[in-house]
């Protein structure tokens, strides 16, 4: 596989302390960053970064739409072979090929498919950083409209002084409003007025 030799990942040490959950989160984050970084390096070398990003976004959209696909990706019940076969068939059907497809198949072979959503998020963040952009992780109780996303981009770009891309996620358990994180920080007070107006707009639409 073209990207196999560059996308390796070691096993992390399992903590026996009460910090096991934190350690697991750190492990997932580290794995995601390493895979995404290797993929981005290869994509840039081959001049296919935009295409890889488009394919990953396409797969991410499928994840959001399909509970069965989410189960396949996250459940430890499936073997690596079962995950690989299912993902390969899905990628063919979705028209996703080349480096992005090889990347996802490698994740399946290496029993890292459950980290794939984090890998995609990390890839997007690294691409944005190399473009001089920042990625805002936005969580809302219901899907944001195109107008809401555009307003968020404008408010966040004005606050940070950089071009901001929005990675929107839906969490039905969230009790209304928005959770916005840019880089390693939550939104600052200067944005709250603008975001509150968006919240009111969302309530009116909903």
C-alpha atoms as a PDB file:
ATOM      1  CA  UNK A   1       0.000   0.000   0.000  1.00  0.00           C
ATOM      2  CA  UNK A   2       1.503   3.377  -0.968  1.00  0.00           C
ATOM      3  CA  UNK A   3       1.191   4.966   2.456  1.00  0.00           C
ATOM      4  CA  UNK A   4       1.806   1.916   4.612  1.00  0.00           C
ATOM      5  CA  UNK A   5       5.468   2.483   5.395  1.00  0.00           C
ATOM      6  CA  UNK A   6       4.833   6.033   6.509  1.00  0.00           C
ATOM      7  CA  UNK A   7       1.783   5.481   8.660  1.00  0.00           C
ATOM      8  CA  UNK A   8       2.951   3.480  11.610  1.00  0.00           C
ATOM      9  CA  UNK A   9       1.761   3.650  15.154  1.00  0.00           C
ATOM     10  CA  UNK A  10       3.138   2.064  18.300  1.00  0.00           C
ATOM     11  CA  UNK A  11       1.105   0.757  21.188  1.00  0.00           C
ATOM     12  CA  UNK A  12       0.932   3.066  24.165  1.00  0.00           C
ATOM     13  CA  UNK A  13       1.584   1.821  27.704  1.00  0.00           C
ATOM     14  CA  UNK A  14      -1.557   1.140  29.646  1.00  0.00           C
ATOM     15  CA  UNK A  15      -1.665   2.931  32.990  1.00  0.00           C
ATOM     16  CA  UNK A  16      -2.777   0.961  36.003  1.00  0.00           C
ATOM     17  CA  UNK A  17      -3.747   4.115  37.877  1.00  0.00           C
ATOM     18  CA  UNK A  18      -7.051   5.980  38.037  1.00  0.00           C
ATOM     19  CA  UNK A  19      -5.805   8.123  35.124  1.00  0.00           C
ATOM     20  CA  UNK A  20      -6.527   5.313  32.638  1.00  0.00           C
ATOM     21  CA  UNK A  21      -9.263   7.249  30.836  1.00  0.00           C
ATOM     22  CA  UNK A  22      -7.018  10.300  30.457  1.00  0.00           C
ATOM     23  CA  UNK A  23      -4.222   8.093  29.172  1.00  0.00           C
ATOM     24  CA  UNK A  24      -6.549   6.536  26.595  1.00  0.00           C
ATOM     25  CA  UNK A  25      -7.676   9.958  25.396  1.00  0.00           C
ATOM     26  CA  UNK A  26      -4.046  11.031  25.064  1.00  0.00           C
ATOM     27  CA  UNK A  27      -3.234   7.837  23.183  1.00  0.00           C
ATOM     28  CA  UNK A  28      -6.072   8.388  20.705  1.00  0.00           C
ATOM     29  CA  UNK A  29      -5.005  11.999  20.205  1.00  0.00           C
ATOM     30  CA  UNK A  30      -1.383  10.990  19.623  1.00  0.00           C
ATOM     31  CA  UNK A  31      -2.332   8.243  17.160  1.00  0.00           C
ATOM     32  CA  UNK A  32      -4.629  10.625  15.267  1.00  0.00           C
ATOM     33  CA  UNK A  33      -1.955  13.281  14.975  1.00  0.00           C
ATOM     34  CA  UNK A  34       0.721  10.857  13.773  1.00  0.00           C
ATOM     35  CA  UNK A  35      -1.484   9.262  11.120  1.00  0.00           C
ATOM     36  CA  UNK A  36      -2.806  12.646   9.967  1.00  0.00           C
ATOM     37  CA  UNK A  37       0.672  14.163   9.803  1.00  0.00           C
ATOM     38  CA  UNK A  38       2.021  11.259   7.738  1.00  0.00           C
ATOM     39  CA  UNK A  39      -0.980  11.455   5.409  1.00  0.00           C
ATOM     40  CA  UNK A  40      -0.574  15.207   4.939  1.00  0.00           C
ATOM     41  CA  UNK A  41       3.143  14.864   4.178  1.00  0.00           C
ATOM     42  CA  UNK A  42       2.408  12.272   1.505  1.00  0.00           C
ATOM     43  CA  UNK A  43      -0.496  14.263   0.082  1.00  0.00           C
ATOM     44  CA  UNK A  44       1.692  17.338  -0.270  1.00  0.00           C
ATOM     45  CA  UNK A  45       4.506  15.319  -1.856  1.00  0.00           C
ATOM     46  CA  UNK A  46       2.063  13.952  -4.440  1.00  0.00           C
ATOM     47  CA  UNK A  47       0.235  17.252  -4.909  1.00  0.00           C
ATOM     48  CA  UNK A  48      -3.140  15.783  -3.960  1.00  0.00           C
ATOM     49  CA  UNK A  49      -3.889  17.533  -0.665  1.00  0.00           C
ATOM     50  CA  UNK A  50      -7.137  19.101  -1.862  1.00  0.00           C
ATOM     51  CA  UNK A  51      -8.400  15.780  -3.222  1.00  0.00           C
ATOM     52  CA  UNK A  52      -7.516  13.894  -0.049  1.00  0.00           C
ATOM     53  CA  UNK A  53      -9.222  16.537   2.060  1.00  0.00           C
ATOM     54  CA  UNK A  54     -12.327  16.322  -0.121  1.00  0.00           C
ATOM     55  CA  UNK A  55     -12.431  12.521   0.171  1.00  0.00           C
ATOM     56  CA  UNK A  56     -11.999  12.609   3.942  1.00  0.00           C
ATOM     57  CA  UNK A  57     -14.779  15.160   4.260  1.00  0.00           C
ATOM     58  CA  UNK A  58     -16.961  12.923   2.107  1.00  0.00           C
ATOM     59  CA  UNK A  59     -16.323   9.980   4.404  1.00  0.00           C
ATOM     60  CA  UNK A  60     -16.936  12.158   7.460  1.00  0.00           C
ATOM     61  CA  UNK A  61     -20.326  13.087   6.018  1.00  0.00           C
ATOM     62  CA  UNK A  62     -21.151   9.392   5.595  1.00  0.00           C
ATOM     63  CA  UNK A  63     -20.221   8.814   9.236  1.00  0.00           C
ATOM     64  CA  UNK A  64     -22.620  11.514  10.352  1.00  0.00           C
ATOM     65  CA  UNK A  65     -25.445  10.014   8.303  1.00  0.00           C
ATOM     66  CA  UNK A  66     -25.069   6.320   9.111  1.00  0.00           C
ATOM     67  CA  UNK A  67     -25.435   4.728  12.541  1.00  0.00           C
ATOM     68  CA  UNK A  68     -24.348   1.394  11.024  1.00  0.00           C
ATOM     69  CA  UNK A  69     -21.114   2.897   9.727  1.00  0.00           C
ATOM     70  CA  UNK A  70     -20.435   4.463  13.108  1.00  0.00           C
ATOM     71  CA  UNK A  71     -20.939   1.067  14.734  1.00  0.00           C
ATOM     72  CA  UNK A  72     -18.558  -0.557  12.263  1.00  0.00           C
ATOM     73  CA  UNK A  73     -15.882   2.054  12.917  1.00  0.00           C
ATOM     74  CA  UNK A  74     -16.157   2.162  16.699  1.00  0.00           C
ATOM     75  CA  UNK A  75     -17.158  -1.334  17.789  1.00  0.00           C
ATOM     76  CA  UNK A  76     -14.376  -3.712  18.916  1.00  0.00           C
ATOM     77  CA  UNK A  77     -16.624  -6.662  18.033  1.00  0.00           C
ATOM     78  CA  UNK A  78     -15.621  -6.583  14.363  1.00  0.00           C
ATOM     79  CA  UNK A  79     -12.321  -8.129  13.316  1.00  0.00           C
ATOM     80  CA  UNK A  80      -9.741  -6.186  11.331  1.00  0.00           C
ATOM     81  CA  UNK A  81     -10.602  -8.291   8.269  1.00  0.00           C
ATOM     82  CA  UNK A  82     -14.318  -7.572   8.628  1.00  0.00           C
ATOM     83  CA  UNK A  83     -13.684  -3.852   9.016  1.00  0.00           C
ATOM     84  CA  UNK A  84     -11.293  -3.790   6.068  1.00  0.00           C
ATOM     85  CA  UNK A  85     -13.711  -5.635   3.774  1.00  0.00           C
ATOM     86  CA  UNK A  86     -16.646  -3.442   4.749  1.00  0.00           C
ATOM     87  CA  UNK A  87     -14.689  -0.187   4.473  1.00  0.00           C
ATOM     88  CA  UNK A  88     -13.223  -1.208   1.104  1.00  0.00           C
ATOM     89  CA  UNK A  89     -16.689  -1.925  -0.284  1.00  0.00           C
ATOM     90  CA  UNK A  90     -18.032   1.368   1.077  1.00  0.00           C
ATOM     91  CA  UNK A  91     -15.138   3.392  -0.342  1.00  0.00           C
ATOM     92  CA  UNK A  92     -15.640   1.824  -3.776  1.00  0.00           C
ATOM     93  CA  UNK A  93     -19.346   2.620  -3.664  1.00  0.00           C
ATOM     94  CA  UNK A  94     -18.655   6.202  -2.557  1.00  0.00           C
ATOM     95  CA  UNK A  95     -16.043   6.727  -5.276  1.00  0.00           C
ATOM     96  CA  UNK A  96     -13.238   7.343  -2.768  1.00  0.00           C
ATOM     97  CA  UNK A  97      -9.916   6.025  -4.003  1.00  0.00           C
ATOM     98  CA  UNK A  98      -6.209   6.809  -4.087  1.00  0.00           C
ATOM     99  CA  UNK A  99      -4.315   8.034  -1.043  1.00  0.00           C
ATOM    100  CA  UNK A 100      -7.397   8.744   1.096  1.00  0.00           C
ATOM    101  CA  UNK A 101      -8.766   5.243   0.512  1.00  0.00           C
ATOM    102  CA  UNK A 102      -5.394   3.635   1.226  1.00  0.00           C
ATOM    103  CA  UNK A 103      -5.174   5.665   4.420  1.00  0.00           C
ATOM    104  CA  UNK A 104      -8.532   4.446   5.708  1.00  0.00           C
ATOM    105  CA  UNK A 105      -7.837   0.853   4.704  1.00  0.00           C
ATOM    106  CA  UNK A 106      -4.533   0.995   6.579  1.00  0.00           C
ATOM    107  CA  UNK A 107      -6.346   2.262   9.670  1.00  0.00           C
ATOM    108  CA  UNK A 108      -8.646  -0.764   9.408  1.00  0.00           C
ATOM    109  CA  UNK A 109      -5.754  -3.209   8.964  1.00  0.00           C
ATOM    110  CA  UNK A 110      -3.969  -1.750  11.985  1.00  0.00           C
ATOM    111  CA  UNK A 111      -7.090  -1.912  14.203  1.00  0.00           C
ATOM    112  CA  UNK A 112      -7.127   1.884  14.378  1.00  0.00           C
ATOM    113  CA  UNK A 113     -10.454   2.465  12.627  1.00  0.00           C
ATOM    114  CA  UNK A 114     -12.026   3.713  15.860  1.00  0.00           C
ATOM    115  CA  UNK A 115      -9.562   6.625  15.765  1.00  0.00           C
ATOM    116  CA  UNK A 116     -10.518   7.573  12.191  1.00  0.00           C
ATOM    117  CA  UNK A 117     -12.883  10.451  13.111  1.00  0.00           C
ATOM    118  CA  UNK A 118     -10.076  11.994  15.200  1.00  0.00           C
ATOM    119  CA  UNK A 119      -7.584  11.380  12.378  1.00  0.00           C
ATOM    120  CA  UNK A 120      -9.819  13.279   9.947  1.00  0.00           C
ATOM    121  CA  UNK A 121     -10.246  16.152  12.408  1.00  0.00           C
ATOM    122  CA  UNK A 122      -6.484  16.283  12.977  1.00  0.00           C
ATOM    123  CA  UNK A 123      -5.798  16.241   9.221  1.00  0.00           C
ATOM    124  CA  UNK A 124      -8.184  19.154   8.689  1.00  0.00           C
ATOM    125  CA  UNK A 125      -6.592  21.102  11.528  1.00  0.00           C
ATOM    126  CA  UNK A 126      -3.069  20.522  10.189  1.00  0.00           C
ATOM    127  CA  UNK A 127      -4.083  21.517   6.654  1.00  0.00           C
ATOM    128  CA  UNK A 128      -5.682  24.685   8.009  1.00  0.00           C
ATOM    129  CA  UNK A 129      -2.566  25.511  10.034  1.00  0.00           C
ATOM    130  CA  UNK A 130      -0.294  25.151   7.009  1.00  0.00           C
ATOM    131  CA  UNK A 131      -2.614  27.477   5.099  1.00  0.00           C
ATOM    132  CA  UNK A 132      -2.374  30.044   7.871  1.00  0.00           C
ATOM    133  CA  UNK A 133      -5.918  29.286   8.951  1.00  0.00           C
ATOM    134  CA  UNK A 134      -7.422  28.140  12.221  1.00  0.00           C
ATOM    135  CA  UNK A 135     -10.089  25.529  12.750  1.00  0.00           C
ATOM    136  CA  UNK A 136     -12.941  26.145  15.151  1.00  0.00           C
ATOM    137  CA  UNK A 137     -14.572  23.051  16.624  1.00  0.00           C
ATOM    138  CA  UNK A 138     -18.257  23.888  17.042  1.00  0.00           C
ATOM    139  CA  UNK A 139     -20.740  21.656  18.842  1.00  0.00           C
ATOM    140  CA  UNK A 140     -24.455  22.399  18.680  1.00  0.00           C
ATOM    141  CA  UNK A 141     -27.596  20.601  19.784  1.00  0.00           C
ATOM    142  CA  UNK A 142     -28.947  20.645  16.222  1.00  0.00           C
ATOM    143  CA  UNK A 143     -27.338  21.096  12.783  1.00  0.00           C
ATOM    144  CA  UNK A 144     -26.233  24.622  11.907  1.00  0.00           C
ATOM    145  CA  UNK A 145     -27.558  26.279   8.784  1.00  0.00           C
ATOM    146  CA  UNK A 146     -25.203  27.702   6.168  1.00  0.00           C
ATOM    147  CA  UNK A 147     -26.055  31.204   7.430  1.00  0.00           C
ATOM    148  CA  UNK A 148     -25.141  30.265  10.992  1.00  0.00           C
ATOM    149  CA  UNK A 149     -21.811  28.786   9.875  1.00  0.00           C
ATOM    150  CA  UNK A 150     -21.025  31.891   7.807  1.00  0.00           C
ATOM    151  CA  UNK A 151     -21.818  34.165  10.755  1.00  0.00           C
ATOM    152  CA  UNK A 152     -19.616  32.075  13.028  1.00  0.00           C
ATOM    153  CA  UNK A 153     -16.722  32.235  10.573  1.00  0.00           C
ATOM    154  CA  UNK A 154     -17.050  36.022  10.376  1.00  0.00           C
ATOM    155  CA  UNK A 155     -17.163  36.483  14.151  1.00  0.00           C
ATOM    156  CA  UNK A 156     -14.280  34.099  14.825  1.00  0.00           C
ATOM    157  CA  UNK A 157     -12.114  35.515  12.028  1.00  0.00           C
ATOM    158  CA  UNK A 158     -12.629  39.037  13.380  1.00  0.00           C
ATOM    159  CA  UNK A 159     -11.629  37.874  16.858  1.00  0.00           C
ATOM    160  CA  UNK A 160      -8.533  35.885  15.903  1.00  0.00           C
ATOM    161  CA  UNK A 161      -7.322  37.986  12.973  1.00  0.00           C
ATOM    162  CA  UNK A 162      -6.987  34.796  10.919  1.00  0.00           C
ATOM    163  CA  UNK A 163      -9.126  32.933   8.433  1.00  0.00           C
ATOM    164  CA  UNK A 164     -11.179  30.461  10.434  1.00  0.00           C
ATOM    165  CA  UNK A 165     -12.741  27.273   9.128  1.00  0.00           C
ATOM    166  CA  UNK A 166     -15.591  25.702  11.066  1.00  0.00           C
ATOM    167  CA  UNK A 167     -15.764  21.993  11.891  1.00  0.00           C
ATOM    168  CA  UNK A 168     -19.357  21.569  13.034  1.00  0.00           C
ATOM    169  CA  UNK A 169     -20.563  18.634  15.130  1.00  0.00           C
ATOM    170  CA  UNK A 170     -23.984  17.812  16.540  1.00  0.00           C
ATOM    171  CA  UNK A 171     -24.556  16.607  20.095  1.00  0.00           C
ATOM    172  CA  UNK A 172     -28.272  16.166  20.851  1.00  0.00           C
ATOM    173  CA  UNK A 173     -27.439  15.961  24.563  1.00  0.00           C
ATOM    174  CA  UNK A 174     -26.300  19.593  24.518  1.00  0.00           C
ATOM    175  CA  UNK A 175     -29.000  21.758  26.076  1.00  0.00           C
ATOM    176  CA  UNK A 176     -29.191  24.405  23.373  1.00  0.00           C
ATOM    177  CA  UNK A 177     -26.633  26.985  22.344  1.00  0.00           C
ATOM    178  CA  UNK A 178     -23.122  26.383  21.103  1.00  0.00           C
ATOM    179  CA  UNK A 179     -19.792  25.124  22.375  1.00  0.00           C
ATOM    180  CA  UNK A 180     -16.965  26.723  20.415  1.00  0.00           C
ATOM    181  CA  UNK A 181     -13.273  25.905  20.692  1.00  0.00           C
ATOM    182  CA  UNK A 182     -10.547  27.531  18.620  1.00  0.00           C
ATOM    183  CA  UNK A 183      -7.212  25.786  18.893  1.00  0.00           C
ATOM    184  CA  UNK A 184      -6.677  24.951  22.546  1.00  0.00           C
ATOM    185  CA  UNK A 185      -8.980  27.620  23.965  1.00  0.00           C
ATOM    186  CA  UNK A 186     -12.667  28.142  24.330  1.00  0.00           C
ATOM    187  CA  UNK A 187     -14.204  31.290  22.860  1.00  0.00           C
ATOM    188  CA  UNK A 188     -13.366  34.524  24.662  1.00  0.00           C
ATOM    189  CA  UNK A 189     -15.788  37.087  26.029  1.00  0.00           C
ATOM    190  CA  UNK A 190     -15.491  39.366  22.985  1.00  0.00           C
ATOM    191  CA  UNK A 191     -17.437  36.822  20.936  1.00  0.00           C
ATOM    192  CA  UNK A 192     -20.235  36.082  23.369  1.00  0.00           C
ATOM    193  CA  UNK A 193     -22.582  38.838  22.244  1.00  0.00           C
ATOM    194  CA  UNK A 194     -22.376  37.774  18.605  1.00  0.00           C
ATOM    195  CA  UNK A 195     -22.720  34.107  19.481  1.00  0.00           C
ATOM    196  CA  UNK A 196     -25.668  34.792  21.764  1.00  0.00           C
ATOM    197  CA  UNK A 197     -27.467  36.432  18.853  1.00  0.00           C
ATOM    198  CA  UNK A 198     -26.823  33.262  16.856  1.00  0.00           C
ATOM    199  CA  UNK A 199     -28.285  31.188  19.662  1.00  0.00           C
ATOM    200  CA  UNK A 200     -31.455  33.257  19.627  1.00  0.00           C
ATOM    201  CA  UNK A 201     -31.640  32.901  15.846  1.00  0.00           C
ATOM    202  CA  UNK A 202     -31.262  29.130  16.158  1.00  0.00           C
ATOM    203  CA  UNK A 203     -34.094  28.982  18.708  1.00  0.00           C
ATOM    204  CA  UNK A 204     -36.347  30.983  16.407  1.00  0.00           C
ATOM    205  CA  UNK A 205     -35.620  28.679  13.477  1.00  0.00           C
ATOM    206  CA  UNK A 206     -36.011  25.547  15.596  1.00  0.00           C
END
